[in-house]
Amino acid sequence: MFSERTSVGLDVHARSTTAWALDSTTGEIFTDRLVVNTADVVAWVRRLPQPAAVA
């Protein structure tokens, strides 16, 4: 059994990162296009329902 509530996938490219997340409790899907900046990606993940696992 998984311990995270939200699963996150990142598609990283030179100029942008496309991020997807699935809340396993509600079934809600989150998506966003982010600049390639670690702080922005981390801030986006922190706004998701926790705990989250990122791949």
PDB file of N, CA and C in Angstrom:
ATOM      1  N   MET A   1       0.837  -1.176   0.000  1.00  0.00           N
ATOM      2  CA  MET A   1       0.000   0.000   0.000  1.00  0.00           C
ATOM      3  C   MET A   1       0.880   1.237   0.000  1.00  0.00           C
ATOM      4  N   PHE A   2       0.478   2.223  -0.800  1.00  0.00           N
ATOM      5  CA  PHE A   2       1.246   3.461  -0.906  1.00  0.00           C
ATOM      6  C   PHE A   2       0.930   4.389   0.251  1.00  0.00           C
ATOM      7  N   SER A   3       1.915   5.144   0.682  1.00  0.00           N
ATOM      8  CA  SER A   3       1.697   6.058   1.796  1.00  0.00           C
ATOM      9  C   SER A   3       1.427   7.484   1.328  1.00  0.00           C
ATOM     10  N   GLU A   4       1.672   7.792   0.051  1.00  0.00           N
ATOM     11  CA  GLU A   4       1.423   9.146  -0.420  1.00  0.00           C
ATOM     12  C   GLU A   4      -0.029   9.309  -0.853  1.00  0.00           C
ATOM     13  N   ARG A   5      -0.530  10.504  -0.707  1.00  0.00           N
ATOM     14  CA  ARG A   5      -1.892  10.812  -1.151  1.00  0.00           C
ATOM     15  C   ARG A   5      -1.873  11.253  -2.601  1.00  0.00           C
ATOM     16  N   THR A   6      -0.839  11.994  -3.001  1.00  0.00           N
ATOM     17  CA  THR A   6      -0.776  12.557  -4.340  1.00  0.00           C
ATOM     18  C   THR A   6       0.454  12.037  -5.063  1.00  0.00           C
ATOM     19  N   SER A   7       0.238  11.588  -6.294  1.00  0.00           N
ATOM     20  CA  SER A   7       1.339  11.138  -7.155  1.00  0.00           C
ATOM     21  C   SER A   7       1.578  12.200  -8.207  1.00  0.00           C
ATOM     22  N   VAL A   8       2.844  12.571  -8.391  1.00  0.00           N
ATOM     23  CA  VAL A   8       3.217  13.667  -9.287  1.00  0.00           C
ATOM     24  C   VAL A   8       4.159  13.149 -10.363  1.00  0.00           C
ATOM     25  N   GLY A   9       3.923  13.572 -11.594  1.00  0.00           N
ATOM     26  CA  GLY A   9       4.820  13.268 -12.708  1.00  0.00           C
ATOM     27  C   GLY A   9       5.281  14.560 -13.337  1.00  0.00           C
ATOM     28  N   LEU A  10       6.555  14.628 -13.693  1.00  0.00           N
ATOM     29  CA  LEU A  10       7.127  15.823 -14.309  1.00  0.00           C
ATOM     30  C   LEU A  10       7.731  15.472 -15.666  1.00  0.00           C
ATOM     31  N   ASP A  11       7.396  16.259 -16.678  1.00  0.00           N
ATOM     32  CA  ASP A  11       7.972  16.130 -18.014  1.00  0.00           C
ATOM     33  C   ASP A  11       8.862  17.353 -18.215  1.00  0.00           C
ATOM     34  N   VAL A  12      10.168  17.168 -18.021  1.00  0.00           N
ATOM     35  CA  VAL A  12      11.110  18.280 -17.976  1.00  0.00           C
ATOM     36  C   VAL A  12      11.802  18.451 -19.326  1.00  0.00           C
ATOM     37  N   HIS A  13      11.776  19.692 -19.821  1.00  0.00           N
ATOM     38  CA  HIS A  13      12.448  20.054 -21.065  1.00  0.00           C
ATOM     39  C   HIS A  13      13.322  21.271 -20.813  1.00  0.00           C
ATOM     40  N   ALA A  14      14.044  21.726 -21.825  1.00  0.00           N
ATOM     41  CA  ALA A  14      14.990  22.830 -21.659  1.00  0.00           C
ATOM     42  C   ALA A  14      14.307  24.132 -21.241  1.00  0.00           C
ATOM     43  N   ARG A  15      13.102  24.408 -21.757  1.00  0.00           N
ATOM     44  CA  ARG A  15      12.459  25.698 -21.493  1.00  0.00           C
ATOM     45  C   ARG A  15      11.234  25.626 -20.590  1.00  0.00           C
ATOM     46  N   SER A  16      10.694  24.448 -20.384  1.00  0.00           N
ATOM     47  CA  SER A  16       9.498  24.350 -19.548  1.00  0.00           C
ATOM     48  C   SER A  16       9.389  22.961 -18.919  1.00  0.00           C
ATOM     49  N   THR A  17       8.591  22.881 -17.891  1.00  0.00           N
ATOM     50  CA  THR A  17       8.273  21.621 -17.232  1.00  0.00           C
ATOM     51  C   THR A  17       6.755  21.496 -17.194  1.00  0.00           C
ATOM     52  N   THR A  18       6.245  20.392 -17.696  1.00  0.00           N
ATOM     53  CA  THR A  18       4.818  20.122 -17.591  1.00  0.00           C
ATOM     54  C   THR A  18       4.635  19.185 -16.400  1.00  0.00           C
ATOM     55  N   ALA A  19       3.745  19.575 -15.492  1.00  0.00           N
ATOM     56  CA  ALA A  19       3.553  18.815 -14.266  1.00  0.00           C
ATOM     57  C   ALA A  19       2.117  18.305 -14.192  1.00  0.00           C
ATOM     58  N   TRP A  20       1.976  17.045 -13.758  1.00  0.00           N
ATOM     59  CA  TRP A  20       0.671  16.428 -13.537  1.00  0.00           C
ATOM     60  C   TRP A  20       0.672  15.820 -12.154  1.00  0.00           C
ATOM     61  N   ALA A  21      -0.494  15.813 -11.533  1.00  0.00           N
ATOM     62  CA  ALA A  21      -0.626  15.181 -10.222  1.00  0.00           C
ATOM     63  C   ALA A  21      -2.010  14.564 -10.102  1.00  0.00           C
ATOM     64  N   LEU A  22      -2.086  13.457  -9.393  1.00  0.00           N
ATOM     65  CA  LEU A  22      -3.345  12.760  -9.139  1.00  0.00           C
ATOM     66  C   LEU A  22      -3.529  12.609  -7.640  1.00  0.00           C
ATOM     67  N   ASP A  23      -4.628  13.147  -7.135  1.00  0.00           N
ATOM     68  CA  ASP A  23      -4.992  12.978  -5.727  1.00  0.00           C
ATOM     69  C   ASP A  23      -5.705  11.634  -5.624  1.00  0.00           C
ATOM     70  N   SER A  24      -5.086  10.661  -4.988  1.00  0.00           N
ATOM     71  CA  SER A  24      -5.642   9.303  -4.934  1.00  0.00           C
ATOM     72  C   SER A  24      -6.879   9.212  -4.039  1.00  0.00           C
ATOM     73  N   THR A  25      -7.117  10.207  -3.196  1.00  0.00           N
ATOM     74  CA  THR A  25      -8.292  10.202  -2.327  1.00  0.00           C
ATOM     75  C   THR A  25      -9.536  10.701  -3.065  1.00  0.00           C
ATOM     76  N   THR A  26      -9.393  11.813  -3.799  1.00  0.00           N
ATOM     77  CA  THR A  26     -10.553  12.432  -4.453  1.00  0.00           C
ATOM     78  C   THR A  26     -10.637  12.120  -5.943  1.00  0.00           C
ATOM     79  N   GLY A  27      -9.516  11.694  -6.544  1.00  0.00           N
ATOM     80  CA  GLY A  27      -9.474  11.460  -7.977  1.00  0.00           C
ATOM     81  C   GLY A  27      -9.213  12.728  -8.781  1.00  0.00           C
ATOM     82  N   GLU A  28      -9.018  13.851  -8.093  1.00  0.00           N
ATOM     83  CA  GLU A  28      -8.776  15.117  -8.770  1.00  0.00           C
ATOM     84  C   GLU A  28      -7.412  15.096  -9.459  1.00  0.00           C
ATOM     85  N   ILE A  29      -7.366  15.689 -10.657  1.00  0.00           N
ATOM     86  CA  ILE A  29      -6.127  15.779 -11.432  1.00  0.00           C
ATOM     87  C   ILE A  29      -5.703  17.235 -11.476  1.00  0.00           C
ATOM     88  N   PHE A  30      -4.435  17.479 -11.223  1.00  0.00           N
ATOM     89  CA  PHE A  30      -3.848  18.815 -11.275  1.00  0.00           C
ATOM     90  C   PHE A  30      -2.830  18.828 -12.408  1.00  0.00           C
ATOM     91  N   THR A  31      -2.777  19.911 -13.156  1.00  0.00           N
ATOM     92  CA  THR A  31      -1.780  20.039 -14.215  1.00  0.00           C
ATOM     93  C   THR A  31      -1.360  21.497 -14.330  1.00  0.00           C
ATOM     94  N   ASP A  32      -0.114  21.702 -14.730  1.00  0.00           N
ATOM     95  CA  ASP A  32       0.401  23.057 -14.893  1.00  0.00           C
ATOM     96  C   ASP A  32       1.642  23.008 -15.766  1.00  0.00           C
ATOM     97  N   ARG A  33       1.920  24.104 -16.431  1.00  0.00           N
ATOM     98  CA  ARG A  33       3.169  24.251 -17.181  1.00  0.00           C
ATOM     99  C   ARG A  33       4.012  25.255 -16.418  1.00  0.00           C
ATOM    100  N   LEU A  34       5.212  24.854 -16.043  1.00  0.00           N
ATOM    101  CA  LEU A  34       6.080  25.656 -15.198  1.00  0.00           C
ATOM    102  C   LEU A  34       7.361  26.001 -15.933  1.00  0.00           C
ATOM    103  N   VAL A  35       8.002  27.093 -15.519  1.00  0.00           N
ATOM    104  CA  VAL A  35       9.329  27.389 -16.042  1.00  0.00           C
ATOM    105  C   VAL A  35      10.307  26.403 -15.419  1.00  0.00           C
ATOM    106  N   VAL A  36      11.448  26.236 -16.051  1.00  0.00           N
ATOM    107  CA  VAL A  36      12.446  25.304 -15.521  1.00  0.00           C
ATOM    108  C   VAL A  36      13.205  26.019 -14.405  1.00  0.00           C
ATOM    109  N   ASN A  37      12.628  25.923 -13.217  1.00  0.00           N
ATOM    110  CA  ASN A  37      13.184  26.564 -12.035  1.00  0.00           C
ATOM    111  C   ASN A  37      12.797  25.680 -10.854  1.00  0.00           C
ATOM    112  N   THR A  38      13.770  25.147 -10.168  1.00  0.00           N
ATOM    113  CA  THR A  38      13.511  24.209  -9.082  1.00  0.00           C
ATOM    114  C   THR A  38      12.578  24.793  -8.029  1.00  0.00           C
ATOM    115  N   ALA A  39      12.762  26.041  -7.668  1.00  0.00           N
ATOM    116  CA  ALA A  39      11.930  26.663  -6.631  1.00  0.00           C
ATOM    117  C   ALA A  39      10.461  26.708  -7.050  1.00  0.00           C
ATOM    118  N   ASP A  40      10.181  26.986  -8.321  1.00  0.00           N
ATOM    119  CA  ASP A  40       8.799  27.026  -8.804  1.00  0.00           C
ATOM    120  C   ASP A  40       8.161  25.639  -8.784  1.00  0.00           C
ATOM    121  N   VAL A  41       8.917  24.622  -9.163  1.00  0.00           N
ATOM    122  CA  VAL A  41       8.401  23.254  -9.156  1.00  0.00           C
ATOM    123  C   VAL A  41       8.111  22.813  -7.721  1.00  0.00           C
ATOM    124  N   VAL A  42       9.021  23.078  -6.810  1.00  0.00           N
ATOM    125  CA  VAL A  42       8.830  22.709  -5.405  1.00  0.00           C
ATOM    126  C   VAL A  42       7.625  23.450  -4.823  1.00  0.00           C
ATOM    127  N   ALA A  43       7.459  24.723  -5.146  1.00  0.00           N
ATOM    128  CA  ALA A  43       6.311  25.488  -4.652  1.00  0.00           C
ATOM    129  C   ALA A  43       5.004  24.897  -5.169  1.00  0.00           C
ATOM    130  N   TRP A  44       4.966  24.468  -6.428  1.00  0.00           N
ATOM    131  CA  TRP A  44       3.758  23.855  -6.997  1.00  0.00           C
ATOM    132  C   TRP A  44       3.421  22.561  -6.264  1.00  0.00           C
ATOM    133  N   VAL A  45       4.434  21.731  -6.033  1.00  0.00           N
ATOM    134  CA  VAL A  45       4.203  20.457  -5.341  1.00  0.00           C
ATOM    135  C   VAL A  45       3.718  20.708  -3.915  1.00  0.00           C
ATOM    136  N   ARG A  46       4.232  21.710  -3.246  1.00  0.00           N
ATOM    137  CA  ARG A  46       3.822  22.006  -1.862  1.00  0.00           C
ATOM    138  C   ARG A  46       2.364  22.440  -1.770  1.00  0.00           C
ATOM    139  N   ARG A  47       1.800  22.983  -2.867  1.00  0.00           N
ATOM    140  CA  ARG A  47       0.396  23.387  -2.867  1.00  0.00           C
ATOM    141  C   ARG A  47      -0.560  22.217  -3.067  1.00  0.00           C
ATOM    142  N   LEU A  48      -0.047  21.056  -3.413  1.00  0.00           N
ATOM    143  CA  LEU A  48      -0.870  19.873  -3.643  1.00  0.00           C
ATOM    144  C   LEU A  48      -1.232  19.216  -2.314  1.00  0.00           C
ATOM    145  N   PRO A  49      -2.297  18.386  -2.313  1.00  0.00           N
ATOM    146  CA  PRO A  49      -2.610  17.624  -1.098  1.00  0.00           C
ATOM    147  C   PRO A  49      -1.401  16.742  -0.712  1.00  0.00           C
ATOM    148  N   GLN A  50      -1.062  16.749   0.539  1.00  0.00           N
ATOM    149  CA  GLN A  50       0.123  16.032   1.033  1.00  0.00           C
ATOM    150  C   GLN A  50      -0.279  14.771   1.781  1.00  0.00           C
ATOM    151  N   PRO A  51       0.600  13.798   1.878  1.00  0.00           N
ATOM    152  CA  PRO A  51       1.946  13.736   1.324  1.00  0.00           C
ATOM    153  C   PRO A  51       1.921  13.438  -0.173  1.00  0.00           C
ATOM    154  N   ALA A  52       2.960  13.907  -0.869  1.00  0.00           N
ATOM    155  CA  ALA A  52       3.060  13.729  -2.316  1.00  0.00           C
ATOM    156  C   ALA A  52       4.362  13.008  -2.656  1.00  0.00           C
ATOM    157  N   ALA A  53       4.301  12.192  -3.705  1.00  0.00           N
ATOM    158  CA  ALA A  53       5.487  11.500  -4.217  1.00  0.00           C
ATOM    159  C   ALA A  53       5.710  11.994  -5.638  1.00  0.00           C
ATOM    160  N   VAL A  54       6.954  12.356  -5.945  1.00  0.00           N
ATOM    161  CA  VAL A  54       7.286  12.948  -7.242  1.00  0.00           C
ATOM    162  C   VAL A  54       8.231  12.046  -8.005  1.00  0.00           C
ATOM    163  N   ALA A  55       7.937  11.880  -9.308  1.00  0.00           N
ATOM    164  CA  ALA A  55       8.828  11.095 -10.175  1.00  0.00           C
ATOM    165  C   ALA A  55       9.126  11.882 -11.423  1.00  0.00           C
TER     166      ALA A  55
END
